[in-house]
Amino acid sequence: MLLSRDAILKASDLPTRDVSVSEWGGVVRVRMLTGAERDAFEASFAGDGPGRFANMRARLVALCAVGPDGRRLFDEADAIALGAKSGAALNRVFLAAQELSCLRPEDLEKKSAPSANGRTDDSFSDCASASASDTPTR
C-alpha cells in the first residue's frame, strides 16, 4: 500500500514500554526516540572531548520517559537531577530506552556491517520491530 503524506504524519509509530522501577516506587513509561530527538542525541556525542558521554544514561531517560499522554516527563535540564538518582534504577530505564530506540551496541554494529551485496544496512527495521513486538503501546 502506497502511503500518503497524511497517512505518514498521522501514523502512531513510537512504541512504548513500561519499566518497573522499585527504587522509585512504581513504573516508568519509556518511548522510542523521535527522529529529531535521535539526531540531537547522537550529535551530542560528536567530537572527542572527554565529557561528551557524561550523564549519557540520564540524558536518554530524560528524552524517552513519558506520561500517560505520551508527552515527555522531563526536559533536558532535568538530566542533571536524573543523573543523581540510583544508578541501578536509571540503568534499567536507560536499557529499555536504548532498546526501543535501536541504540544498543549490537543494533549499531548491525547497521554499520556490510551486507552480502557489500553495502551497509541503512535500516533499523529489525531492531524496531523486535522492540515493538513485545511492548505495550499507549
N, C-alpha and C. Protein backbone atom coordinates (compact mmCIF):
# COMPACT_ATOMS: atom_id res chain seq x y z
N MET A 1 0.84 -1.18 0.00
CA MET A 1 0.00 0.00 0.00
C MET A 1 0.89 1.24 0.00
N LEU A 2 0.64 2.11 -0.94
CA LEU A 2 1.38 3.36 -1.04
C LEU A 2 0.79 4.36 -0.06
N LEU A 3 1.63 4.89 0.81
CA LEU A 3 1.17 5.79 1.85
C LEU A 3 1.12 7.23 1.36
N SER A 4 0.12 7.94 1.84
CA SER A 4 0.03 9.37 1.54
C SER A 4 0.78 10.16 2.61
N ARG A 5 0.99 11.42 2.35
CA ARG A 5 1.63 12.32 3.31
C ARG A 5 0.86 12.30 4.63
N ASP A 6 -0.46 12.45 4.55
CA ASP A 6 -1.28 12.48 5.76
C ASP A 6 -1.21 11.17 6.53
N ALA A 7 -1.20 10.06 5.82
CA ALA A 7 -1.13 8.76 6.49
C ALA A 7 0.18 8.62 7.26
N ILE A 8 1.27 9.08 6.66
CA ILE A 8 2.57 9.00 7.32
C ILE A 8 2.59 9.89 8.55
N LEU A 9 2.13 11.13 8.41
CA LEU A 9 2.17 12.07 9.52
C LEU A 9 1.22 11.69 10.66
N LYS A 10 0.16 10.97 10.35
CA LYS A 10 -0.81 10.56 11.38
C LYS A 10 -0.47 9.21 12.02
N ALA A 11 0.49 8.49 11.45
CA ALA A 11 0.82 7.15 11.96
C ALA A 11 1.36 7.23 13.38
N SER A 12 0.87 6.35 14.22
CA SER A 12 1.38 6.23 15.59
C SER A 12 2.51 5.21 15.54
N ASP A 13 3.76 5.71 15.50
CA ASP A 13 4.89 4.82 15.24
C ASP A 13 5.97 4.87 16.32
N LEU A 14 5.62 5.33 17.51
CA LEU A 14 6.58 5.40 18.60
C LEU A 14 6.16 4.44 19.71
N PRO A 15 6.65 3.19 19.64
CA PRO A 15 6.26 2.21 20.65
C PRO A 15 6.76 2.63 22.04
N THR A 16 6.06 2.14 23.03
CA THR A 16 6.43 2.41 24.42
C THR A 16 6.59 1.11 25.18
N ARG A 17 7.22 1.22 26.33
CA ARG A 17 7.38 0.07 27.23
C ARG A 17 7.30 0.60 28.65
N ASP A 18 6.60 -0.12 29.49
CA ASP A 18 6.52 0.22 30.91
C ASP A 18 7.61 -0.54 31.65
N VAL A 19 8.40 0.18 32.44
CA VAL A 19 9.53 -0.39 33.16
C VAL A 19 9.28 -0.24 34.65
N SER A 20 9.28 -1.35 35.36
CA SER A 20 9.12 -1.33 36.81
C SER A 20 10.41 -0.83 37.45
N VAL A 21 10.27 0.19 38.29
CA VAL A 21 11.43 0.78 38.97
C VAL A 21 11.09 0.83 40.46
N SER A 22 11.38 -0.27 41.14
CA SER A 22 11.02 -0.38 42.56
C SER A 22 11.69 0.70 43.40
N GLU A 23 12.91 1.09 43.02
CA GLU A 23 13.61 2.13 43.77
C GLU A 23 12.84 3.45 43.76
N TRP A 24 12.06 3.68 42.73
CA TRP A 24 11.31 4.92 42.62
C TRP A 24 9.84 4.72 42.99
N GLY A 25 9.47 3.49 43.31
CA GLY A 25 8.12 3.21 43.79
C GLY A 25 7.06 3.06 42.73
N GLY A 26 7.41 2.65 41.53
CA GLY A 26 6.39 2.49 40.50
C GLY A 26 6.94 2.11 39.16
N VAL A 27 6.24 2.59 38.14
CA VAL A 27 6.53 2.22 36.75
C VAL A 27 6.84 3.49 35.96
N VAL A 28 7.83 3.39 35.09
CA VAL A 28 8.17 4.49 34.18
C VAL A 28 7.83 4.04 32.77
N ARG A 29 7.08 4.86 32.07
CA ARG A 29 6.79 4.56 30.66
C ARG A 29 7.88 5.19 29.80
N VAL A 30 8.45 4.38 28.92
CA VAL A 30 9.55 4.79 28.05
C VAL A 30 9.08 4.65 26.61
N ARG A 31 9.40 5.64 25.78
CA ARG A 31 9.05 5.53 24.36
C ARG A 31 10.29 5.69 23.50
N MET A 32 10.17 5.22 22.29
CA MET A 32 11.22 5.33 21.29
C MET A 32 11.50 6.81 21.01
N LEU A 33 12.76 7.13 20.74
CA LEU A 33 13.11 8.49 20.32
C LEU A 33 12.45 8.83 18.99
N THR A 34 12.09 10.09 18.83
CA THR A 34 11.67 10.56 17.51
C THR A 34 12.92 10.71 16.66
N GLY A 35 12.75 10.92 15.39
CA GLY A 35 13.90 11.12 14.51
C GLY A 35 14.73 12.33 14.93
N ALA A 36 14.06 13.44 15.24
CA ALA A 36 14.78 14.66 15.63
C ALA A 36 15.50 14.47 16.96
N GLU A 37 14.86 13.79 17.91
CA GLU A 37 15.50 13.53 19.20
C GLU A 37 16.73 12.65 19.02
N ARG A 38 16.60 11.65 18.18
CA ARG A 38 17.74 10.75 17.96
C ARG A 38 18.91 11.50 17.33
N ASP A 39 18.63 12.33 16.34
CA ASP A 39 19.69 13.10 15.71
C ASP A 39 20.39 13.99 16.73
N ALA A 40 19.62 14.67 17.57
CA ALA A 40 20.22 15.56 18.57
C ALA A 40 21.01 14.76 19.59
N PHE A 41 20.49 13.62 20.02
CA PHE A 41 21.19 12.78 20.99
C PHE A 41 22.51 12.30 20.41
N GLU A 42 22.49 11.79 19.19
CA GLU A 42 23.72 11.31 18.56
C GLU A 42 24.71 12.45 18.33
N ALA A 43 24.21 13.63 17.92
CA ALA A 43 25.09 14.77 17.67
C ALA A 43 25.78 15.23 18.95
N SER A 44 25.15 14.99 20.09
CA SER A 44 25.75 15.42 21.36
C SER A 44 27.03 14.65 21.68
N PHE A 45 27.29 13.57 20.99
CA PHE A 45 28.50 12.76 21.22
C PHE A 45 29.59 13.05 20.20
N ALA A 46 29.33 13.99 19.29
CA ALA A 46 30.32 14.33 18.27
C ALA A 46 31.55 14.95 18.91
N GLY A 47 32.63 14.84 18.23
CA GLY A 47 33.88 15.40 18.75
C GLY A 47 34.60 14.38 19.60
N ASP A 48 35.65 14.83 20.24
CA ASP A 48 36.43 13.89 21.04
C ASP A 48 36.73 14.44 22.43
N GLY A 49 35.88 15.35 22.90
CA GLY A 49 36.06 15.87 24.26
C GLY A 49 35.82 14.80 25.30
N PRO A 50 36.54 14.86 26.41
CA PRO A 50 36.42 13.82 27.43
C PRO A 50 35.04 13.75 28.09
N GLY A 51 34.28 14.83 28.08
CA GLY A 51 32.99 14.82 28.78
C GLY A 51 31.80 14.57 27.90
N ARG A 52 32.01 14.20 26.65
CA ARG A 52 30.86 14.08 25.75
C ARG A 52 29.90 12.96 26.15
N PHE A 53 30.38 11.96 26.88
CA PHE A 53 29.49 10.88 27.32
C PHE A 53 28.97 11.08 28.74
N ALA A 54 29.30 12.21 29.33
CA ALA A 54 28.87 12.48 30.71
C ALA A 54 27.35 12.44 30.82
N ASN A 55 26.87 11.73 31.82
CA ASN A 55 25.44 11.65 32.13
C ASN A 55 24.60 11.11 30.97
N MET A 56 25.20 10.26 30.15
CA MET A 56 24.54 9.73 28.97
C MET A 56 23.23 9.02 29.30
N ARG A 57 23.24 8.20 30.34
CA ARG A 57 22.03 7.45 30.68
C ARG A 57 20.89 8.39 31.06
N ALA A 58 21.19 9.35 31.90
CA ALA A 58 20.15 10.29 32.34
C ALA A 58 19.66 11.13 31.17
N ARG A 59 20.54 11.49 30.26
CA ARG A 59 20.13 12.28 29.09
C ARG A 59 19.15 11.51 28.22
N LEU A 60 19.42 10.21 28.02
CA LEU A 60 18.49 9.41 27.21
C LEU A 60 17.17 9.21 27.94
N VAL A 61 17.22 8.94 29.23
CA VAL A 61 15.99 8.76 30.00
C VAL A 61 15.16 10.04 29.96
N ALA A 62 15.79 11.20 30.08
CA ALA A 62 15.06 12.47 30.02
C ALA A 62 14.32 12.63 28.68
N LEU A 63 14.91 12.12 27.62
CA LEU A 63 14.28 12.20 26.30
C LEU A 63 13.15 11.19 26.11
N CYS A 64 13.24 10.04 26.78
CA CYS A 64 12.33 8.93 26.48
C CYS A 64 11.25 8.67 27.52
N ALA A 65 11.39 9.17 28.74
CA ALA A 65 10.36 8.93 29.76
C ALA A 65 9.15 9.81 29.46
N VAL A 66 7.98 9.17 29.37
CA VAL A 66 6.76 9.89 29.01
C VAL A 66 5.64 9.57 30.00
N GLY A 67 4.67 10.46 30.05
CA GLY A 67 3.49 10.25 30.87
C GLY A 67 2.43 9.49 30.11
N PRO A 68 1.28 9.29 30.73
CA PRO A 68 0.20 8.54 30.08
C PRO A 68 -0.27 9.16 28.76
N ASP A 69 -0.07 10.48 28.63
CA ASP A 69 -0.48 11.18 27.41
C ASP A 69 0.58 11.11 26.31
N GLY A 70 1.72 10.46 26.61
CA GLY A 70 2.80 10.34 25.62
C GLY A 70 3.74 11.52 25.58
N ARG A 71 3.50 12.53 26.41
CA ARG A 71 4.37 13.70 26.44
C ARG A 71 5.53 13.46 27.39
N ARG A 72 6.67 14.03 27.05
CA ARG A 72 7.87 13.86 27.87
C ARG A 72 7.65 14.36 29.29
N LEU A 73 8.20 13.60 30.25
CA LEU A 73 8.13 13.98 31.65
C LEU A 73 9.20 15.01 32.02
N PHE A 74 10.33 14.96 31.33
CA PHE A 74 11.50 15.76 31.69
C PHE A 74 11.94 16.62 30.52
N ASP A 75 12.60 17.73 30.86
CA ASP A 75 13.28 18.48 29.81
C ASP A 75 14.78 18.19 29.95
N GLU A 76 15.55 18.72 29.05
CA GLU A 76 16.97 18.38 29.04
C GLU A 76 17.68 18.82 30.32
N ALA A 77 17.21 19.91 30.93
CA ALA A 77 17.83 20.38 32.18
C ALA A 77 17.63 19.39 33.32
N ASP A 78 16.57 18.58 33.26
CA ASP A 78 16.31 17.58 34.30
C ASP A 78 17.31 16.44 34.29
N ALA A 79 18.08 16.30 33.22
CA ALA A 79 19.03 15.19 33.13
C ALA A 79 20.05 15.24 34.26
N ILE A 80 20.41 16.43 34.72
CA ILE A 80 21.37 16.53 35.82
C ILE A 80 20.78 15.93 37.09
N ALA A 81 19.53 16.26 37.39
CA ALA A 81 18.87 15.70 38.57
C ALA A 81 18.66 14.20 38.42
N LEU A 82 18.30 13.74 37.23
CA LEU A 82 18.14 12.30 36.99
C LEU A 82 19.45 11.57 37.20
N GLY A 83 20.55 12.19 36.81
CA GLY A 83 21.86 11.57 36.97
C GLY A 83 22.25 11.35 38.42
N ALA A 84 21.59 12.02 39.33
CA ALA A 84 21.86 11.85 40.76
C ALA A 84 21.02 10.75 41.38
N LYS A 85 20.12 10.14 40.61
CA LYS A 85 19.27 9.06 41.11
C LYS A 85 20.04 7.74 41.10
N SER A 86 19.42 6.72 41.65
CA SER A 86 20.02 5.38 41.71
C SER A 86 20.55 4.95 40.34
N GLY A 87 21.81 4.56 40.31
CA GLY A 87 22.41 4.08 39.06
C GLY A 87 21.72 2.83 38.54
N ALA A 88 21.31 1.94 39.45
CA ALA A 88 20.63 0.71 39.03
C ALA A 88 19.27 1.03 38.42
N ALA A 89 18.52 1.91 39.08
CA ALA A 89 17.20 2.29 38.57
C ALA A 89 17.32 3.01 37.23
N LEU A 90 18.22 3.96 37.17
CA LEU A 90 18.42 4.73 35.95
C LEU A 90 18.84 3.82 34.80
N ASN A 91 19.73 2.87 35.09
CA ASN A 91 20.19 1.96 34.04
C ASN A 91 19.07 1.08 33.52
N ARG A 92 18.17 0.65 34.38
CA ARG A 92 17.04 -0.19 33.95
C ARG A 92 16.18 0.57 32.93
N VAL A 93 15.90 1.83 33.22
CA VAL A 93 15.09 2.65 32.30
C VAL A 93 15.89 2.95 31.03
N PHE A 94 17.17 3.26 31.20
CA PHE A 94 18.06 3.52 30.06
C PHE A 94 18.08 2.35 29.10
N LEU A 95 18.22 1.12 29.62
CA LEU A 95 18.29 -0.06 28.76
C LEU A 95 17.03 -0.23 27.93
N ALA A 96 15.87 0.05 28.52
CA ALA A 96 14.62 -0.03 27.76
C ALA A 96 14.58 1.04 26.68
N ALA A 97 14.99 2.26 27.01
CA ALA A 97 15.01 3.35 26.03
C ALA A 97 16.01 3.05 24.91
N GLN A 98 17.15 2.51 25.29
CA GLN A 98 18.19 2.16 24.32
C GLN A 98 17.67 1.10 23.35
N GLU A 99 16.99 0.08 23.88
CA GLU A 99 16.47 -0.98 23.02
C GLU A 99 15.36 -0.46 22.11
N LEU A 100 14.40 0.28 22.67
CA LEU A 100 13.30 0.80 21.86
C LEU A 100 13.80 1.70 20.73
N SER A 101 14.85 2.45 21.00
CA SER A 101 15.37 3.41 20.03
C SER A 101 16.48 2.84 19.16
N CYS A 102 16.73 1.54 19.27
CA CYS A 102 17.73 0.84 18.45
C CYS A 102 19.12 1.45 18.63
N LEU A 103 19.47 1.72 19.88
CA LEU A 103 20.77 2.30 20.20
C LEU A 103 21.68 1.34 20.94
N ARG A 104 21.29 0.06 21.03
CA ARG A 104 22.17 -0.91 21.66
C ARG A 104 23.40 -1.12 20.79
N PRO A 105 24.53 -1.47 21.38
CA PRO A 105 25.74 -1.70 20.57
C PRO A 105 25.50 -2.68 19.43
N GLU A 106 24.75 -3.76 19.69
CA GLU A 106 24.52 -4.74 18.62
C GLU A 106 23.67 -4.17 17.49
N ASP A 107 22.77 -3.21 17.80
CA ASP A 107 21.97 -2.57 16.75
C ASP A 107 22.86 -1.69 15.89
N LEU A 108 23.76 -0.96 16.53
CA LEU A 108 24.65 -0.05 15.81
C LEU A 108 25.67 -0.82 14.98
N GLU A 109 26.16 -1.96 15.52
CA GLU A 109 27.09 -2.80 14.76
C GLU A 109 26.42 -3.36 13.52
N LYS A 110 25.17 -3.81 13.67
CA LYS A 110 24.44 -4.38 12.55
C LYS A 110 24.25 -3.34 11.46
N LYS A 111 23.94 -2.11 11.86
CA LYS A 111 23.72 -1.05 10.88
C LYS A 111 24.99 -0.75 10.09
N SER A 112 26.15 -0.81 10.73
CA SER A 112 27.37 -0.44 10.04
C SER A 112 28.06 -1.63 9.36
N ALA A 113 27.60 -2.84 9.60
CA ALA A 113 28.22 -4.02 9.00
C ALA A 113 27.81 -4.15 7.53
N PRO A 114 28.74 -4.46 6.65
CA PRO A 114 28.39 -4.63 5.24
C PRO A 114 27.50 -5.87 5.06
N SER A 115 26.54 -5.74 4.17
CA SER A 115 25.66 -6.87 3.87
C SER A 115 26.30 -7.72 2.78
N ALA A 116 25.59 -8.73 2.31
CA ALA A 116 26.10 -9.63 1.28
C ALA A 116 26.44 -8.89 -0.01
N ASN A 117 25.70 -7.79 -0.28
CA ASN A 117 25.95 -7.05 -1.52
C ASN A 117 27.03 -5.98 -1.33
N GLY A 118 27.67 -5.95 -0.15
CA GLY A 118 28.76 -5.01 0.09
C GLY A 118 28.32 -3.66 0.62
N ARG A 119 27.02 -3.44 0.73
CA ARG A 119 26.50 -2.18 1.25
C ARG A 119 26.26 -2.30 2.74
N THR A 120 26.23 -1.15 3.40
CA THR A 120 25.86 -1.18 4.81
C THR A 120 24.35 -1.15 4.91
N ASP A 121 23.83 -1.72 5.98
CA ASP A 121 22.40 -1.78 6.20
C ASP A 121 21.92 -0.44 6.74
N ASP A 122 21.05 0.24 5.99
CA ASP A 122 20.55 1.55 6.40
C ASP A 122 19.35 1.44 7.34
N SER A 123 18.83 0.27 7.56
CA SER A 123 17.56 0.16 8.25
C SER A 123 17.72 -0.38 9.66
N PHE A 124 16.87 0.12 10.50
CA PHE A 124 16.78 -0.38 11.86
C PHE A 124 15.49 -1.18 12.03
N SER A 125 14.88 -1.57 10.92
CA SER A 125 13.56 -2.18 11.00
C SER A 125 13.54 -3.45 11.84
N ASP A 126 14.58 -4.27 11.76
CA ASP A 126 14.60 -5.48 12.57
C ASP A 126 14.62 -5.12 14.05
N CYS A 127 15.42 -4.17 14.41
CA CYS A 127 15.52 -3.74 15.80
C CYS A 127 14.20 -3.16 16.27
N ALA A 128 13.65 -2.23 15.52
CA ALA A 128 12.41 -1.57 15.92
C ALA A 128 11.26 -2.56 15.99
N SER A 129 11.21 -3.48 15.04
CA SER A 129 10.14 -4.48 15.06
C SER A 129 10.26 -5.39 16.26
N ALA A 130 11.47 -5.82 16.57
CA ALA A 130 11.68 -6.69 17.73
C ALA A 130 11.35 -5.95 19.01
N SER A 131 11.72 -4.68 19.08
CA SER A 131 11.44 -3.89 20.28
C SER A 131 9.95 -3.68 20.45
N ALA A 132 9.27 -3.41 19.36
CA ALA A 132 7.85 -3.07 19.45
C ALA A 132 6.97 -4.30 19.62
N SER A 133 7.43 -5.45 19.17
CA SER A 133 6.57 -6.62 19.15
C SER A 133 6.13 -7.08 20.53
N ASP A 134 6.97 -6.87 21.54
CA ASP A 134 6.59 -7.36 22.86
C ASP A 134 6.32 -6.21 23.84
N THR A 135 6.07 -5.03 23.30
CA THR A 135 5.88 -3.90 24.19
C THR A 135 4.46 -3.38 24.12
N PRO A 136 3.90 -3.03 25.27
CA PRO A 136 2.58 -2.40 25.23
C PRO A 136 2.73 -0.98 24.70
N THR A 137 1.76 -0.52 23.97
CA THR A 137 1.78 0.85 23.49
C THR A 137 0.72 1.65 24.21
N ARG A 138 0.81 2.94 24.07
CA ARG A 138 -0.11 3.83 24.77
C ARG A 138 -1.52 3.47 24.52
